[in-house]
Amino acid sequence: MIPLADGRTRVVYRMVITGPGADEVGPRIGPGI
């Protein structure tokens, strides 16, 4: 949750896939997740 100047809140979900082959596997599984 990031507080914004106007008093609202930005809710952020961020996924990072790391490890051997992540650059190949990530684009295959990440969008589904």
PDB file of all heavy atoms in Angstrom:
ATOM      1  N   MET A   1       0.859  -1.178   0.000  1.00  0.00           N
ATOM      2  CA  MET A   1       0.000   0.000   0.000  1.00  0.00           C
ATOM      3  C   MET A   1       0.894   1.226   0.000  1.00  0.00           C
ATOM      4  O   MET A   1       1.773   1.353   0.853  1.00  0.00           O
ATOM      5  CB  MET A   1      -0.897   0.023   1.240  1.00  0.00           C
ATOM      6  CG  MET A   1      -1.943  -1.064   1.249  1.00  0.00           C
ATOM      7  SD  MET A   1      -3.056  -0.917   2.673  1.00  0.00           S
ATOM      8  CE  MET A   1      -1.983  -1.426   4.028  1.00  0.00           C
ATOM      9  N   ILE A   2       0.647   2.119  -0.949  1.00  0.00           N
ATOM     10  CA  ILE A   2       1.437   3.342  -1.060  1.00  0.00           C
ATOM     11  C   ILE A   2       0.494   4.527  -0.855  1.00  0.00           C
ATOM     12  O   ILE A   2      -0.462   4.703  -1.620  1.00  0.00           O
ATOM     13  CB  ILE A   2       2.118   3.431  -2.441  1.00  0.00           C
ATOM     14  CG1 ILE A   2       3.037   2.225  -2.645  1.00  0.00           C
ATOM     15  CG2 ILE A   2       2.868   4.754  -2.583  1.00  0.00           C
ATOM     16  CD1 ILE A   2       3.570   2.084  -4.058  1.00  0.00           C
ATOM     17  N   PRO A   3       0.740   5.337   0.184  1.00  0.00           N
ATOM     18  CA  PRO A   3      -0.108   6.517   0.375  1.00  0.00           C
ATOM     19  C   PRO A   3       0.130   7.530  -0.745  1.00  0.00           C
ATOM     20  O   PRO A   3       1.272   7.774  -1.136  1.00  0.00           O
ATOM     21  CB  PRO A   3       0.350   7.095   1.715  1.00  0.00           C
ATOM     22  CG  PRO A   3       1.431   6.221   2.227  1.00  0.00           C
ATOM     23  CD  PRO A   3       1.757   5.188   1.195  1.00  0.00           C
ATOM     24  N   LEU A   4      -0.956   8.100  -1.269  1.00  0.00           N
ATOM     25  CA  LEU A   4      -0.867   9.101  -2.329  1.00  0.00           C
ATOM     26  C   LEU A   4      -1.115  10.498  -1.753  1.00  0.00           C
ATOM     27  O   LEU A   4      -1.755  10.643  -0.703  1.00  0.00           O
ATOM     28  CB  LEU A   4      -1.875   8.783  -3.430  1.00  0.00           C
ATOM     29  CG  LEU A   4      -1.713   7.407  -4.087  1.00  0.00           C
ATOM     30  CD1 LEU A   4      -2.858   7.138  -5.052  1.00  0.00           C
ATOM     31  CD2 LEU A   4      -0.371   7.294  -4.785  1.00  0.00           C
ATOM     32  N   ALA A   5      -0.639  11.500  -2.450  1.00  0.00           N
ATOM     33  CA  ALA A   5      -0.737  12.884  -1.979  1.00  0.00           C
ATOM     34  C   ALA A   5      -2.181  13.326  -1.760  1.00  0.00           C
ATOM     35  O   ALA A   5      -2.455  14.154  -0.891  1.00  0.00           O
ATOM     36  CB  ALA A   5      -0.036  13.821  -2.959  1.00  0.00           C
ATOM     37  N   ASP A   6      -3.115  12.764  -2.527  1.00  0.00           N
ATOM     38  CA  ASP A   6      -4.514  13.181  -2.419  1.00  0.00           C
ATOM     39  C   ASP A   6      -5.268  12.444  -1.308  1.00  0.00           C
ATOM     40  O   ASP A   6      -6.483  12.551  -1.199  1.00  0.00           O
ATOM     41  CB  ASP A   6      -5.230  13.004  -3.756  1.00  0.00           C
ATOM     42  CG  ASP A   6      -5.316  11.555  -4.209  1.00  0.00           C
ATOM     43  OD1 ASP A   6      -4.848  10.641  -3.489  1.00  0.00           O
ATOM     44  OD2 ASP A   6      -5.851  11.315  -5.313  1.00  0.00           O
ATOM     45  N   GLY A   7      -4.544  11.664  -0.486  1.00  0.00           N
ATOM     46  CA  GLY A   7      -5.166  10.943   0.609  1.00  0.00           C
ATOM     47  C   GLY A   7      -5.633   9.543   0.243  1.00  0.00           C
ATOM     48  O   GLY A   7      -6.042   8.771   1.106  1.00  0.00           O
ATOM     49  N   ARG A   8      -5.579   9.218  -1.027  1.00  0.00           N
ATOM     50  CA  ARG A   8      -5.962   7.878  -1.476  1.00  0.00           C
ATOM     51  C   ARG A   8      -4.788   6.929  -1.269  1.00  0.00           C
ATOM     52  O   ARG A   8      -3.707   7.338  -0.825  1.00  0.00           O
ATOM     53  CB  ARG A   8      -6.380   7.915  -2.945  1.00  0.00           C
ATOM     54  CG  ARG A   8      -7.560   8.888  -3.161  1.00  0.00           C
ATOM     55  CD  ARG A   8      -7.981   8.947  -4.587  1.00  0.00           C
ATOM     56  NE  ARG A   8      -8.850   7.791  -4.810  1.00  0.00           N
ATOM     57  CZ  ARG A   8      -8.951   7.145  -5.964  1.00  0.00           C
ATOM     58  NH1 ARG A   8      -8.243   7.519  -7.015  1.00  0.00           N
ATOM     59  NH2 ARG A   8      -9.761   6.123  -6.089  1.00  0.00           N
ATOM     60  N   THR A   9      -4.979   5.687  -1.619  1.00  0.00           N
ATOM     61  CA  THR A   9      -3.945   4.657  -1.478  1.00  0.00           C
ATOM     62  C   THR A   9      -3.798   3.916  -2.782  1.00  0.00           C
ATOM     63  O   THR A   9      -4.796   3.569  -3.421  1.00  0.00           O
ATOM     64  CB  THR A   9      -4.326   3.659  -0.360  1.00  0.00           C
ATOM     65  OG1 THR A   9      -4.436   4.383   0.868  1.00  0.00           O
ATOM     66  CG2 THR A   9      -3.299   2.552  -0.221  1.00  0.00           C
ATOM     67  N   ARG A  10      -2.577   3.658  -3.174  1.00  0.00           N
ATOM     68  CA  ARG A  10      -2.298   2.801  -4.331  1.00  0.00           C
ATOM     69  C   ARG A  10      -1.988   1.403  -3.784  1.00  0.00           C
ATOM     70  O   ARG A  10      -1.067   1.223  -2.995  1.00  0.00           O
ATOM     71  CB  ARG A  10      -1.129   3.326  -5.140  1.00  0.00           C
ATOM     72  CG  ARG A  10      -0.789   2.426  -6.338  1.00  0.00           C
ATOM     73  CD  ARG A  10       0.119   3.118  -7.324  1.00  0.00           C
ATOM     74  NE  ARG A  10      -0.678   4.207  -7.926  1.00  0.00           N
ATOM     75  CZ  ARG A  10      -0.168   5.375  -8.296  1.00  0.00           C
ATOM     76  NH1 ARG A  10       1.109   5.626  -8.178  1.00  0.00           N
ATOM     77  NH2 ARG A  10      -0.955   6.310  -8.820  1.00  0.00           N
ATOM     78  N   VAL A  11      -2.769   0.421  -4.216  1.00  0.00           N
ATOM     79  CA  VAL A  11      -2.552  -0.975  -3.843  1.00  0.00           C
ATOM     80  C   VAL A  11      -1.811  -1.620  -4.996  1.00  0.00           C
ATOM     81  O   VAL A  11      -2.299  -1.631  -6.129  1.00  0.00           O
ATOM     82  CB  VAL A  11      -3.884  -1.703  -3.565  1.00  0.00           C
ATOM     83  CG1 VAL A  11      -3.625  -3.165  -3.212  1.00  0.00           C
ATOM     84  CG2 VAL A  11      -4.651  -0.994  -2.451  1.00  0.00           C
ATOM     85  N   VAL A  12      -0.627  -2.159  -4.707  1.00  0.00           N
ATOM     86  CA  VAL A  12       0.254  -2.701  -5.738  1.00  0.00           C
ATOM     87  C   VAL A  12       0.529  -4.178  -5.463  1.00  0.00           C
ATOM     88  O   VAL A  12       0.906  -4.547  -4.348  1.00  0.00           O
ATOM     89  CB  VAL A  12       1.597  -1.940  -5.777  1.00  0.00           C
ATOM     90  CG1 VAL A  12       2.504  -2.501  -6.861  1.00  0.00           C
ATOM     91  CG2 VAL A  12       1.380  -0.445  -5.961  1.00  0.00           C
ATOM     92  N   TYR A  13       0.333  -5.002  -6.474  1.00  0.00           N
ATOM     93  CA  TYR A  13       0.767  -6.398  -6.458  1.00  0.00           C
ATOM     94  C   TYR A  13       1.893  -6.499  -7.484  1.00  0.00           C
ATOM     95  O   TYR A  13       1.734  -6.049  -8.629  1.00  0.00           O
ATOM     96  CB  TYR A  13      -0.364  -7.341  -6.878  1.00  0.00           C
ATOM     97  CG  TYR A  13      -1.352  -7.693  -5.797  1.00  0.00           C
ATOM     98  CD1 TYR A  13      -1.720  -6.787  -4.816  1.00  0.00           C
ATOM     99  CD2 TYR A  13      -1.939  -8.949  -5.781  1.00  0.00           C
ATOM    100  CE1 TYR A  13      -2.643  -7.124  -3.842  1.00  0.00           C
ATOM    101  CE2 TYR A  13      -2.869  -9.290  -4.817  1.00  0.00           C
ATOM    102  CZ  TYR A  13      -3.217  -8.381  -3.841  1.00  0.00           C
ATOM    103  OH  TYR A  13      -4.131  -8.722  -2.881  1.00  0.00           O
ATOM    104  N   ARG A  14       3.008  -7.092  -7.084  1.00  0.00           N
ATOM    105  CA  ARG A  14       4.151  -7.223  -7.990  1.00  0.00           C
ATOM    106  C   ARG A  14       4.749  -8.619  -7.838  1.00  0.00           C
ATOM    107  O   ARG A  14       5.065  -9.040  -6.731  1.00  0.00           O
ATOM    108  CB  ARG A  14       5.209  -6.175  -7.659  1.00  0.00           C
ATOM    109  CG  ARG A  14       6.434  -6.261  -8.559  1.00  0.00           C
ATOM    110  CD  ARG A  14       7.366  -5.075  -8.281  1.00  0.00           C
ATOM    111  NE  ARG A  14       8.456  -5.045  -9.223  1.00  0.00           N
ATOM    112  CZ  ARG A  14       9.682  -5.508  -8.963  1.00  0.00           C
ATOM    113  NH1 ARG A  14       9.962  -6.022  -7.781  1.00  0.00           N
ATOM    114  NH2 ARG A  14      10.614  -5.445  -9.887  1.00  0.00           N
ATOM    115  N   MET A  15       4.882  -9.329  -8.950  1.00  0.00           N
ATOM    116  CA  MET A  15       5.513 -10.650  -8.934  1.00  0.00           C
ATOM    117  C   MET A  15       6.847 -10.579  -9.652  1.00  0.00           C
ATOM    118  O   MET A  15       6.959  -9.992 -10.725  1.00  0.00           O
ATOM    119  CB  MET A  15       4.652 -11.706  -9.612  1.00  0.00           C
ATOM    120  CG  MET A  15       5.369 -13.057  -9.759  1.00  0.00           C
ATOM    121  SD  MET A  15       4.300 -14.383 -10.313  1.00  0.00           S
ATOM    122  CE  MET A  15       3.535 -14.781  -8.742  1.00  0.00           C
ATOM    123  N   VAL A  16       7.836 -11.218  -9.045  1.00  0.00           N
ATOM    124  CA  VAL A  16       9.147 -11.368  -9.659  1.00  0.00           C
ATOM    125  C   VAL A  16       9.496 -12.850  -9.608  1.00  0.00           C
ATOM    126  O   VAL A  16       9.430 -13.473  -8.542  1.00  0.00           O
ATOM    127  CB  VAL A  16      10.225 -10.535  -8.925  1.00  0.00           C
ATOM    128  CG1 VAL A  16      11.593 -10.779  -9.529  1.00  0.00           C
ATOM    129  CG2 VAL A  16       9.883  -9.054  -8.962  1.00  0.00           C
ATOM    130  N   ILE A  17       9.843 -13.402 -10.755  1.00  0.00           N
ATOM    131  CA  ILE A  17      10.279 -14.795 -10.843  1.00  0.00           C
ATOM    132  C   ILE A  17      11.766 -14.777 -11.152  1.00  0.00           C
ATOM    133  O   ILE A  17      12.188 -14.160 -12.131  1.00  0.00           O
ATOM    134  CB  ILE A  17       9.515 -15.566 -11.933  1.00  0.00           C
ATOM    135  CG1 ILE A  17       8.008 -15.542 -11.650  1.00  0.00           C
ATOM    136  CG2 ILE A  17      10.030 -17.007 -12.033  1.00  0.00           C
ATOM    137  CD1 ILE A  17       7.154 -16.179 -12.728  1.00  0.00           C
ATOM    138  N   THR A  18      12.559 -15.424 -10.294  1.00  0.00           N
ATOM    139  CA  THR A  18      14.004 -15.465 -10.475  1.00  0.00           C
ATOM    140  C   THR A  18      14.496 -16.910 -10.436  1.00  0.00           C
ATOM    141  O   THR A  18      13.821 -17.804  -9.943  1.00  0.00           O
ATOM    142  CB  THR A  18      14.736 -14.662  -9.376  1.00  0.00           C
ATOM    143  OG1 THR A  18      14.377 -15.174  -8.092  1.00  0.00           O
ATOM    144  CG2 THR A  18      14.398 -13.186  -9.459  1.00  0.00           C
ATOM    145  N   GLY A  19      15.694 -17.085 -10.952  1.00  0.00           N
ATOM    146  CA  GLY A  19      16.327 -18.400 -10.941  1.00  0.00           C
ATOM    147  C   GLY A  19      16.689 -18.822 -12.350  1.00  0.00           C
ATOM    148  O   GLY A  19      16.316 -18.163 -13.330  1.00  0.00           O
ATOM    149  N   PRO A  20      17.412 -19.917 -12.445  1.00  0.00           N
ATOM    150  CA  PRO A  20      17.818 -20.420 -13.760  1.00  0.00           C
ATOM    151  C   PRO A  20      16.606 -20.673 -14.657  1.00  0.00           C
ATOM    152  O   PRO A  20      15.668 -21.348 -14.264  1.00  0.00           O
ATOM    153  CB  PRO A  20      18.539 -21.733 -13.443  1.00  0.00           C
ATOM    154  CG  PRO A  20      18.937 -21.620 -12.007  1.00  0.00           C
ATOM    155  CD  PRO A  20      17.905 -20.757 -11.350  1.00  0.00           C
ATOM    156  N   GLY A  21      16.620 -20.085 -15.824  1.00  0.00           N
ATOM    157  CA  GLY A  21      15.533 -20.275 -16.781  1.00  0.00           C
ATOM    158  C   GLY A  21      14.333 -19.385 -16.550  1.00  0.00           C
ATOM    159  O   GLY A  21      13.341 -19.492 -17.272  1.00  0.00           O
ATOM    160  N   ALA A  22      14.384 -18.473 -15.569  1.00  0.00           N
ATOM    161  CA  ALA A  22      13.230 -17.610 -15.276  1.00  0.00           C
ATOM    162  C   ALA A  22      12.854 -16.750 -16.475  1.00  0.00           C
ATOM    163  O   ALA A  22      11.677 -16.469 -16.687  1.00  0.00           O
ATOM    164  CB  ALA A  22      13.514 -16.740 -14.062  1.00  0.00           C
ATOM    165  N   ASP A  23      13.852 -16.361 -17.264  1.00  0.00           N
ATOM    166  CA  ASP A  23      13.553 -15.539 -18.439  1.00  0.00           C
ATOM    167  C   ASP A  23      12.777 -16.320 -19.494  1.00  0.00           C
ATOM    168  O   ASP A  23      12.085 -15.728 -20.326  1.00  0.00           O
ATOM    169  CB  ASP A  23      14.832 -14.937 -19.026  1.00  0.00           C
ATOM    170  CG  ASP A  23      15.876 -15.975 -19.387  1.00  0.00           C
ATOM    171  OD1 ASP A  23      15.813 -17.112 -18.858  1.00  0.00           O
ATOM    172  OD2 ASP A  23      16.779 -15.655 -20.182  1.00  0.00           O
ATOM    173  N   GLU A  24      12.854 -17.653 -19.454  1.00  0.00           N
ATOM    174  CA  GLU A  24      12.087 -18.492 -20.380  1.00  0.00           C
ATOM    175  C   GLU A  24      10.795 -18.999 -19.738  1.00  0.00           C
ATOM    176  O   GLU A  24       9.739 -18.969 -20.358  1.00  0.00           O
ATOM    177  CB  GLU A  24      12.932 -19.690 -20.827  1.00  0.00           C
ATOM    178  CG  GLU A  24      14.147 -19.295 -21.649  1.00  0.00           C
ATOM    179  CD  GLU A  24      15.025 -20.500 -21.952  1.00  0.00           C
ATOM    180  OE1 GLU A  24      14.566 -21.640 -21.786  1.00  0.00           O
ATOM    181  OE2 GLU A  24      16.178 -20.276 -22.365  1.00  0.00           O
ATOM    182  N   VAL A  25      10.884 -19.471 -18.506  1.00  0.00           N
ATOM    183  CA  VAL A  25       9.728 -20.036 -17.814  1.00  0.00           C
ATOM    184  C   VAL A  25       8.762 -18.937 -17.383  1.00  0.00           C
ATOM    185  O   VAL A  25       7.542 -19.094 -17.481  1.00  0.00           O
ATOM    186  CB  VAL A  25      10.174 -20.877 -16.598  1.00  0.00           C
ATOM    187  CG1 VAL A  25       8.978 -21.377 -15.805  1.00  0.00           C
ATOM    188  CG2 VAL A  25      11.044 -22.040 -17.041  1.00  0.00           C
ATOM    189  N   GLY A  26       9.288 -17.807 -16.916  1.00  0.00           N
ATOM    190  CA  GLY A  26       8.449 -16.713 -16.436  1.00  0.00           C
ATOM    191  C   GLY A  26       7.383 -16.282 -17.421  1.00  0.00           C
ATOM    192  O   GLY A  26       6.201 -16.209 -17.062  1.00  0.00           O
ATOM    193  N   PRO A  27       7.755 -16.013 -18.691  1.00  0.00           N
ATOM    194  CA  PRO A  27       6.733 -15.603 -19.654  1.00  0.00           C
ATOM    195  C   PRO A  27       5.687 -16.690 -19.935  1.00  0.00           C
ATOM    196  O   PRO A  27       4.588 -16.382 -20.390  1.00  0.00           O
ATOM    197  CB  PRO A  27       7.537 -15.293 -20.924  1.00  0.00           C
ATOM    198  CG  PRO A  27       8.908 -14.973 -20.442  1.00  0.00           C
ATOM    199  CD  PRO A  27       9.110 -15.848 -19.234  1.00  0.00           C
ATOM    200  N   ARG A  28       6.016 -17.949 -19.638  1.00  0.00           N
ATOM    201  CA  ARG A  28       5.053 -19.039 -19.852  1.00  0.00           C
ATOM    202  C   ARG A  28       4.093 -19.181 -18.675  1.00  0.00           C
ATOM    203  O   ARG A  28       2.909 -19.420 -18.874  1.00  0.00           O
ATOM    204  CB  ARG A  28       5.788 -20.351 -20.092  1.00  0.00           C
ATOM    205  CG  ARG A  28       6.434 -20.438 -21.450  1.00  0.00           C
ATOM    206  CD  ARG A  28       6.758 -21.873 -21.852  1.00  0.00           C
ATOM    207  NE  ARG A  28       7.373 -22.672 -20.818  1.00  0.00           N
ATOM    208  CZ  ARG A  28       8.673 -22.964 -20.740  1.00  0.00           C
ATOM    209  NH1 ARG A  28       9.500 -22.516 -21.662  1.00  0.00           N
ATOM    210  NH2 ARG A  28       9.140 -23.706 -19.766  1.00  0.00           N
ATOM    211  N   ILE A  29       4.621 -19.075 -17.437  1.00  0.00           N
ATOM    212  CA  ILE A  29       3.763 -19.309 -16.269  1.00  0.00           C
ATOM    213  C   ILE A  29       3.273 -18.032 -15.606  1.00  0.00           C
ATOM    214  O   ILE A  29       2.193 -18.004 -15.031  1.00  0.00           O
ATOM    215  CB  ILE A  29       4.453 -20.218 -15.233  1.00  0.00           C
ATOM    216  CG1 ILE A  29       5.670 -19.521 -14.605  1.00  0.00           C
ATOM    217  CG2 ILE A  29       4.831 -21.559 -15.847  1.00  0.00           C
ATOM    218  CD1 ILE A  29       6.250 -20.257 -13.404  1.00  0.00           C
ATOM    219  N   GLY A  30       4.062 -16.976 -15.673  1.00  0.00           N
ATOM    220  CA  GLY A  30       3.714 -15.732 -14.990  1.00  0.00           C
ATOM    221  C   GLY A  30       2.375 -15.141 -15.390  1.00  0.00           C
ATOM    222  O   GLY A  30       1.559 -14.800 -14.523  1.00  0.00           O
ATOM    223  N   PRO A  31       2.102 -15.007 -16.708  1.00  0.00           N
ATOM    224  CA  PRO A  31       0.823 -14.420 -17.101  1.00  0.00           C
ATOM    225  C   PRO A  31      -0.388 -15.211 -16.601  1.00  0.00           C
ATOM    226  O   PRO A  31      -1.418 -14.616 -16.277  1.00  0.00           O
ATOM    227  CB  PRO A  31       0.893 -14.415 -18.631  1.00  0.00           C
ATOM    228  CG  PRO A  31       2.361 -14.288 -18.915  1.00  0.00           C
ATOM    229  CD  PRO A  31       3.013 -15.154 -17.861  1.00  0.00           C
ATOM    230  N   GLY A  32      -0.263 -16.517 -16.505  1.00  0.00           N
ATOM    231  CA  GLY A  32      -1.361 -17.315 -15.970  1.00  0.00           C
ATOM    232  C   GLY A  32      -1.569 -17.089 -14.484  1.00  0.00           C
ATOM    233  O   GLY A  32      -2.703 -17.037 -14.003  1.00  0.00           O
ATOM    234  N   ILE A  33      -0.480 -16.934 -13.759  1.00  0.00           N
ATOM    235  CA  ILE A  33      -0.559 -16.705 -12.317  1.00  0.00           C
ATOM    236  C   ILE A  33      -1.147 -15.328 -12.020  1.00  0.00           C
ATOM    237  O   ILE A  33      -1.938 -15.163 -11.092  1.00  0.00           O
ATOM    238  CB  ILE A  33       0.834 -16.845 -11.667  1.00  0.00           C
ATOM    239  CG1 ILE A  33       1.350 -18.282 -11.830  1.00  0.00           C
ATOM    240  CG2 ILE A  33       0.796 -16.430 -10.198  1.00  0.00           C
ATOM    241  CD1 ILE A  33       2.816 -18.449 -11.483  1.00  0.00           C
TER     242      ILE A  33
END
